[in-house]
Amino acid sequence: MTQNEELREAYLRILKDIDDSYLIPNKSNNPSTKGLSGLFLTSIHPNYGNAKNKIMIIGRETKGWTWNEK
């Protein structure tokens, strides 16, 4: 099994109990999730294991930065 296949299996295990409103854009009217884009899951380069420095950034992106447009 490749590292990306292992990562995919880990994502599936971790996300199986997550509320869909966090995964599907605009599914909920909850103000804390409304307007956010869908979940972005990254893969890794085949040489990641041999890389000197390893960085993975996990988070959520917004559909726009409209909070400061008053």
PDB file of N, CA and C in Angstrom:
ATOM      1  N   MET A   1       0.849  -1.181   0.000  1.00  0.00           N
ATOM      2  CA  MET A   1       0.000   0.000   0.000  1.00  0.00           C
ATOM      3  C   MET A   1       0.894   1.243   0.000  1.00  0.00           C
ATOM      4  N   THR A   2       0.590   2.202  -0.879  1.00  0.00           N
ATOM      5  CA  THR A   2       1.389   3.428  -0.940  1.00  0.00           C
ATOM      6  C   THR A   2       1.061   4.332   0.246  1.00  0.00           C
ATOM      7  N   GLN A   3       1.914   5.320   0.477  1.00  0.00           N
ATOM      8  CA  GLN A   3       1.665   6.266   1.566  1.00  0.00           C
ATOM      9  C   GLN A   3       0.383   7.056   1.328  1.00  0.00           C
ATOM     10  N   ASN A   4       0.088   7.401   0.070  1.00  0.00           N
ATOM     11  CA  ASN A   4      -1.144   8.124  -0.218  1.00  0.00           C
ATOM     12  C   ASN A   4      -2.372   7.241   0.022  1.00  0.00           C
ATOM     13  N   GLU A   5      -2.276   5.957  -0.238  1.00  0.00           N
ATOM     14  CA  GLU A   5      -3.380   5.045   0.066  1.00  0.00           C
ATOM     15  C   GLU A   5      -3.573   4.924   1.581  1.00  0.00           C
ATOM     16  N   GLU A   6      -2.478   4.872   2.310  1.00  0.00           N
ATOM     17  CA  GLU A   6      -2.560   4.844   3.771  1.00  0.00           C
ATOM     18  C   GLU A   6      -3.180   6.134   4.302  1.00  0.00           C
ATOM     19  N   LEU A   7      -2.792   7.250   3.720  1.00  0.00           N
ATOM     20  CA  LEU A   7      -3.338   8.547   4.120  1.00  0.00           C
ATOM     21  C   LEU A   7      -4.837   8.608   3.838  1.00  0.00           C
ATOM     22  N   ARG A   8      -5.248   8.101   2.684  1.00  0.00           N
ATOM     23  CA  ARG A   8      -6.665   8.066   2.328  1.00  0.00           C
ATOM     24  C   ARG A   8      -7.453   7.243   3.343  1.00  0.00           C
ATOM     25  N   GLU A   9      -6.936   6.094   3.716  1.00  0.00           N
ATOM     26  CA  GLU A   9      -7.610   5.245   4.705  1.00  0.00           C
ATOM     27  C   GLU A   9      -7.705   5.958   6.058  1.00  0.00           C
ATOM     28  N   ALA A  10      -6.657   6.663   6.421  1.00  0.00           N
ATOM     29  CA  ALA A  10      -6.683   7.418   7.684  1.00  0.00           C
ATOM     30  C   ALA A  10      -7.730   8.528   7.623  1.00  0.00           C
ATOM     31  N   TYR A  11      -7.799   9.261   6.505  1.00  0.00           N
ATOM     32  CA  TYR A  11      -8.833  10.294   6.346  1.00  0.00           C
ATOM     33  C   TYR A  11     -10.222   9.684   6.507  1.00  0.00           C
ATOM     34  N   LEU A  12     -10.474   8.543   5.870  1.00  0.00           N
ATOM     35  CA  LEU A  12     -11.787   7.904   5.958  1.00  0.00           C
ATOM     36  C   LEU A  12     -12.129   7.515   7.391  1.00  0.00           C
ATOM     37  N   ARG A  13     -11.151   6.983   8.125  1.00  0.00           N
ATOM     38  CA  ARG A  13     -11.389   6.611   9.534  1.00  0.00           C
ATOM     39  C   ARG A  13     -11.690   7.840  10.372  1.00  0.00           C
ATOM     40  N   ILE A  14     -10.921   8.896  10.182  1.00  0.00           N
ATOM     41  CA  ILE A  14     -11.063  10.112  10.987  1.00  0.00           C
ATOM     42  C   ILE A  14     -12.376  10.829  10.690  1.00  0.00           C
ATOM     43  N   LEU A  15     -12.777  10.860   9.420  1.00  0.00           N
ATOM     44  CA  LEU A  15     -13.936  11.650   9.015  1.00  0.00           C
ATOM     45  C   LEU A  15     -15.271  10.908   9.087  1.00  0.00           C
ATOM     46  N   LYS A  16     -15.268   9.625   9.401  1.00  0.00           N
ATOM     47  CA  LYS A  16     -16.510   8.847   9.341  1.00  0.00           C
ATOM     48  C   LYS A  16     -17.582   9.363  10.293  1.00  0.00           C
ATOM     49  N   ASP A  17     -17.225   9.982  11.395  1.00  0.00           N
ATOM     50  CA  ASP A  17     -18.214  10.464  12.366  1.00  0.00           C
ATOM     51  C   ASP A  17     -18.373  11.987  12.365  1.00  0.00           C
ATOM     52  N   ILE A  18     -17.790  12.672  11.385  1.00  0.00           N
ATOM     53  CA  ILE A  18     -17.861  14.131  11.321  1.00  0.00           C
ATOM     54  C   ILE A  18     -19.206  14.569  10.745  1.00  0.00           C
ATOM     55  N   ASP A  19     -19.772  15.624  11.311  1.00  0.00           N
ATOM     56  CA  ASP A  19     -21.021  16.212  10.812  1.00  0.00           C
ATOM     57  C   ASP A  19     -20.820  16.657   9.361  1.00  0.00           C
ATOM     58  N   ASP A  20     -21.736  16.252   8.474  1.00  0.00           N
ATOM     59  CA  ASP A  20     -21.640  16.590   7.051  1.00  0.00           C
ATOM     60  C   ASP A  20     -21.552  18.082   6.786  1.00  0.00           C
ATOM     61  N   SER A  21     -22.092  18.901   7.667  1.00  0.00           N
ATOM     62  CA  SER A  21     -22.071  20.349   7.427  1.00  0.00           C
ATOM     63  C   SER A  21     -20.648  20.896   7.390  1.00  0.00           C
ATOM     64  N   TYR A  22     -19.703  20.183   7.976  1.00  0.00           N
ATOM     65  CA  TYR A  22     -18.306  20.597   7.903  1.00  0.00           C
ATOM     66  C   TYR A  22     -17.631  20.131   6.613  1.00  0.00           C
ATOM     67  N   LEU A  23     -18.234  19.173   5.928  1.00  0.00           N
ATOM     68  CA  LEU A  23     -17.621  18.588   4.749  1.00  0.00           C
ATOM     69  C   LEU A  23     -18.235  19.070   3.437  1.00  0.00           C
ATOM     70  N   ILE A  24     -19.510  19.444   3.469  1.00  0.00           N
ATOM     71  CA  ILE A  24     -20.215  19.831   2.258  1.00  0.00           C
ATOM     72  C   ILE A  24     -20.538  21.318   2.323  1.00  0.00           C
ATOM     73  N   PRO A  25     -20.012  22.110   1.392  1.00  0.00           N
ATOM     74  CA  PRO A  25     -20.209  23.564   1.429  1.00  0.00           C
ATOM     75  C   PRO A  25     -21.692  23.941   1.448  1.00  0.00           C
ATOM     76  N   ASN A  26     -22.023  24.868   2.309  1.00  0.00           N
ATOM     77  CA  ASN A  26     -23.361  25.458   2.404  1.00  0.00           C
ATOM     78  C   ASN A  26     -24.478  24.461   2.681  1.00  0.00           C
ATOM     79  N   LYS A  27     -24.176  23.337   3.291  1.00  0.00           N
ATOM     80  CA  LYS A  27     -25.221  22.366   3.645  1.00  0.00           C
ATOM     81  C   LYS A  27     -25.995  22.822   4.885  1.00  0.00           C
ATOM     82  N   SER A  28     -25.354  23.602   5.730  1.00  0.00           N
ATOM     83  CA  SER A  28     -25.941  24.007   6.990  1.00  0.00           C
ATOM     84  C   SER A  28     -26.205  25.507   7.011  1.00  0.00           C
ATOM     85  N   ASN A  29     -27.175  25.910   7.803  1.00  0.00           N
ATOM     86  CA  ASN A  29     -27.413  27.340   8.036  1.00  0.00           C
ATOM     87  C   ASN A  29     -26.671  27.829   9.275  1.00  0.00           C
ATOM     88  N   ASN A  30     -25.878  26.971   9.868  1.00  0.00           N
ATOM     89  CA  ASN A  30     -25.101  27.331  11.043  1.00  0.00           C
ATOM     90  C   ASN A  30     -24.104  28.428  10.662  1.00  0.00           C
ATOM     91  N   PRO A  31     -24.139  29.585  11.337  1.00  0.00           N
ATOM     92  CA  PRO A  31     -23.230  30.688  10.984  1.00  0.00           C
ATOM     93  C   PRO A  31     -21.745  30.326  11.074  1.00  0.00           C
ATOM     94  N   SER A  32     -21.410  29.336  11.906  1.00  0.00           N
ATOM     95  CA  SER A  32     -19.990  28.980  12.044  1.00  0.00           C
ATOM     96  C   SER A  32     -19.474  28.175  10.856  1.00  0.00           C
ATOM     97  N   THR A  33     -20.373  27.588  10.050  1.00  0.00           N
ATOM     98  CA  THR A  33     -19.927  26.819   8.887  1.00  0.00           C
ATOM     99  C   THR A  33     -20.396  27.417   7.567  1.00  0.00           C
ATOM    100  N   LYS A  34     -21.400  28.283   7.590  1.00  0.00           N
ATOM    101  CA  LYS A  34     -21.947  28.855   6.354  1.00  0.00           C
ATOM    102  C   LYS A  34     -20.883  29.705   5.656  1.00  0.00           C
ATOM    103  N   GLY A  35     -20.750  29.543   4.360  1.00  0.00           N
ATOM    104  CA  GLY A  35     -19.808  30.330   3.576  1.00  0.00           C
ATOM    105  C   GLY A  35     -18.412  29.738   3.482  1.00  0.00           C
ATOM    106  N   LEU A  36     -18.169  28.646   4.186  1.00  0.00           N
ATOM    107  CA  LEU A  36     -16.858  28.010   4.085  1.00  0.00           C
ATOM    108  C   LEU A  36     -16.835  27.074   2.890  1.00  0.00           C
ATOM    109  N   SER A  37     -15.681  26.903   2.320  1.00  0.00           N
ATOM    110  CA  SER A  37     -15.558  25.959   1.215  1.00  0.00           C
ATOM    111  C   SER A  37     -15.527  24.538   1.766  1.00  0.00           C
ATOM    112  N   GLY A  38     -15.563  23.568   0.892  1.00  0.00           N
ATOM    113  CA  GLY A  38     -15.508  22.179   1.324  1.00  0.00           C
ATOM    114  C   GLY A  38     -14.148  21.811   1.887  1.00  0.00           C
ATOM    115  N   LEU A  39     -14.078  20.660   2.431  1.00  0.00           N
ATOM    116  CA  LEU A  39     -12.854  20.177   3.049  1.00  0.00           C
ATOM    117  C   LEU A  39     -11.793  19.876   1.987  1.00  0.00           C
ATOM    118  N   PHE A  40     -10.574  20.288   2.248  1.00  0.00           N
ATOM    119  CA  PHE A  40      -9.445  20.017   1.357  1.00  0.00           C
ATOM    120  C   PHE A  40      -8.532  19.019   2.057  1.00  0.00           C
ATOM    121  N   LEU A  41      -8.312  17.879   1.441  1.00  0.00           N
ATOM    122  CA  LEU A  41      -7.414  16.870   1.989  1.00  0.00           C
ATOM    123  C   LEU A  41      -6.232  16.735   1.046  1.00  0.00           C
ATOM    124  N   THR A  42      -5.060  16.827   1.594  1.00  0.00           N
ATOM    125  CA  THR A  42      -3.862  16.807   0.764  1.00  0.00           C
ATOM    126  C   THR A  42      -3.308  15.392   0.617  1.00  0.00           C
ATOM    127  N   SER A  43      -2.460  15.243  -0.348  1.00  0.00           N
ATOM    128  CA  SER A  43      -1.714  13.991  -0.528  1.00  0.00           C
ATOM    129  C   SER A  43      -0.239  14.325  -0.311  1.00  0.00           C
ATOM    130  N   ILE A  44       0.591  13.322  -0.384  1.00  0.00           N
ATOM    131  CA  ILE A  44       2.025  13.562  -0.183  1.00  0.00           C
ATOM    132  C   ILE A  44       2.807  13.135  -1.417  1.00  0.00           C
ATOM    133  N   HIS A  45       3.935  13.772  -1.596  1.00  0.00           N
ATOM    134  CA  HIS A  45       4.843  13.436  -2.696  1.00  0.00           C
ATOM    135  C   HIS A  45       5.466  12.067  -2.405  1.00  0.00           C
ATOM    136  N   PRO A  46       5.723  11.281  -3.423  1.00  0.00           N
ATOM    137  CA  PRO A  46       6.314   9.954  -3.199  1.00  0.00           C
ATOM    138  C   PRO A  46       7.636   9.981  -2.419  1.00  0.00           C
ATOM    139  N   ASN A  47       8.388  11.070  -2.496  1.00  0.00           N
ATOM    140  CA  ASN A  47       9.668  11.167  -1.781  1.00  0.00           C
ATOM    141  C   ASN A  47       9.539  11.831  -0.415  1.00  0.00           C
ATOM    142  N   TYR A  48       8.309  12.011   0.059  1.00  0.00           N
ATOM    143  CA  TYR A  48       8.079  12.671   1.354  1.00  0.00           C
ATOM    144  C   TYR A  48       8.852  11.977   2.483  1.00  0.00           C
ATOM    145  N   GLY A  49       8.837  10.664   2.494  1.00  0.00           N
ATOM    146  CA  GLY A  49       9.505   9.920   3.560  1.00  0.00           C
ATOM    147  C   GLY A  49      11.002  10.168   3.630  1.00  0.00           C
ATOM    148  N   ASN A  50      11.622  10.500   2.507  1.00  0.00           N
ATOM    149  CA  ASN A  50      13.060  10.745   2.470  1.00  0.00           C
ATOM    150  C   ASN A  50      13.424  12.218   2.589  1.00  0.00           C
ATOM    151  N   ALA A  51      12.425  13.094   2.633  1.00  0.00           N
ATOM    152  CA  ALA A  51      12.695  14.533   2.677  1.00  0.00           C
ATOM    153  C   ALA A  51      13.321  14.934   4.010  1.00  0.00           C
ATOM    154  N   LYS A  52      14.253  15.892   3.953  1.00  0.00           N
ATOM    155  CA  LYS A  52      14.907  16.384   5.169  1.00  0.00           C
ATOM    156  C   LYS A  52      13.898  17.096   6.063  1.00  0.00           C
ATOM    157  N   ASN A  53      13.066  17.953   5.473  1.00  0.00           N
ATOM    158  CA  ASN A  53      12.053  18.699   6.220  1.00  0.00           C
ATOM    159  C   ASN A  53      10.672  18.225   5.782  1.00  0.00           C
ATOM    160  N   LYS A  54       9.795  17.989   6.745  1.00  0.00           N
ATOM    161  CA  LYS A  54       8.443  17.516   6.446  1.00  0.00           C
ATOM    162  C   LYS A  54       7.436  18.466   7.091  1.00  0.00           C
ATOM    163  N   ILE A  55       6.583  19.057   6.258  1.00  0.00           N
ATOM    164  CA  ILE A  55       5.574  19.991   6.751  1.00  0.00           C
ATOM    165  C   ILE A  55       4.232  19.639   6.127  1.00  0.00           C
ATOM    166  N   MET A  56       3.195  19.566   6.952  1.00  0.00           N
ATOM    167  CA  MET A  56       1.838  19.392   6.447  1.00  0.00           C
ATOM    168  C   MET A  56       0.967  20.418   7.159  1.00  0.00           C
ATOM    169  N   ILE A  57       0.255  21.219   6.378  1.00  0.00           N
ATOM    170  CA  ILE A  57      -0.611  22.248   6.932  1.00  0.00           C
ATOM    171  C   ILE A  57      -2.050  21.770   6.805  1.00  0.00           C
ATOM    172  N   ILE A  58      -2.766  21.811   7.922  1.00  0.00           N
ATOM    173  CA  ILE A  58      -4.151  21.357   7.947  1.00  0.00           C
ATOM    174  C   ILE A  58      -5.020  22.506   8.419  1.00  0.00           C
ATOM    175  N   GLY A  59      -6.106  22.749   7.721  1.00  0.00           N
ATOM    176  CA  GLY A  59      -7.007  23.813   8.127  1.00  0.00           C
ATOM    177  C   GLY A  59      -8.181  23.924   7.189  1.00  0.00           C
ATOM    178  N   ARG A  60      -8.855  25.058   7.279  1.00  0.00           N
ATOM    179  CA  ARG A  60     -10.004  25.332   6.410  1.00  0.00           C
ATOM    180  C   ARG A  60      -9.756  26.639   5.707  1.00  0.00           C
ATOM    181  N   GLU A  61     -10.210  26.717   4.489  1.00  0.00           N
ATOM    182  CA  GLU A  61     -10.137  27.975   3.764  1.00  0.00           C
ATOM    183  C   GLU A  61     -11.543  28.551   3.672  1.00  0.00           C
ATOM    184  N   THR A  62     -11.640  29.843   3.516  1.00  0.00           N
ATOM    185  CA  THR A  62     -12.945  30.466   3.341  1.00  0.00           C
ATOM    186  C   THR A  62     -13.198  30.662   1.857  1.00  0.00           C
ATOM    187  N   LYS A  63     -14.427  30.985   1.503  1.00  0.00           N
ATOM    188  CA  LYS A  63     -14.738  31.294   0.110  1.00  0.00           C
ATOM    189  C   LYS A  63     -14.331  32.724  -0.218  1.00  0.00           C
ATOM    190  N   GLY A  64     -14.017  33.480   0.783  1.00  0.00           N
ATOM    191  CA  GLY A  64     -13.611  34.863   0.591  1.00  0.00           C
ATOM    192  C   GLY A  64     -13.381  35.513   1.939  1.00  0.00           C
ATOM    193  N   TRP A  65     -12.698  36.597   1.930  1.00  0.00           N
ATOM    194  CA  TRP A  65     -12.391  37.300   3.176  1.00  0.00           C
ATOM    195  C   TRP A  65     -13.290  38.527   3.298  1.00  0.00           C
ATOM    196  N   THR A  66     -14.599  38.297   3.380  1.00  0.00           N
ATOM    197  CA  THR A  66     -15.556  39.395   3.397  1.00  0.00           C
ATOM    198  C   THR A  66     -15.758  39.996   4.779  1.00  0.00           C
ATOM    199  N   TRP A  67     -15.146  39.479   5.794  1.00  0.00           N
ATOM    200  CA  TRP A  67     -15.328  39.972   7.158  1.00  0.00           C
ATOM    201  C   TRP A  67     -14.852  41.416   7.327  1.00  0.00           C
ATOM    202  N   ASN A  68     -13.978  41.895   6.481  1.00  0.00           N
ATOM    203  CA  ASN A  68     -13.442  43.256   6.641  1.00  0.00           C
ATOM    204  C   ASN A  68     -13.991  44.227   5.597  1.00  0.00           C
ATOM    205  N   GLU A  69     -15.099  43.889   4.945  1.00  0.00           N
ATOM    206  CA  GLU A  69     -15.659  44.730   3.891  1.00  0.00           C
ATOM    207  C   GLU A  69     -16.860  45.523   4.393  1.00  0.00           C
ATOM    208  N   LYS A  70     -16.700  46.287   5.439  1.00  0.00           N
ATOM    209  CA  LYS A  70     -17.800  47.094   5.994  1.00  0.00           C
ATOM    210  C   LYS A  70     -17.722  48.518   5.543  1.00  0.00           C
TER     211      LYS A  70
END
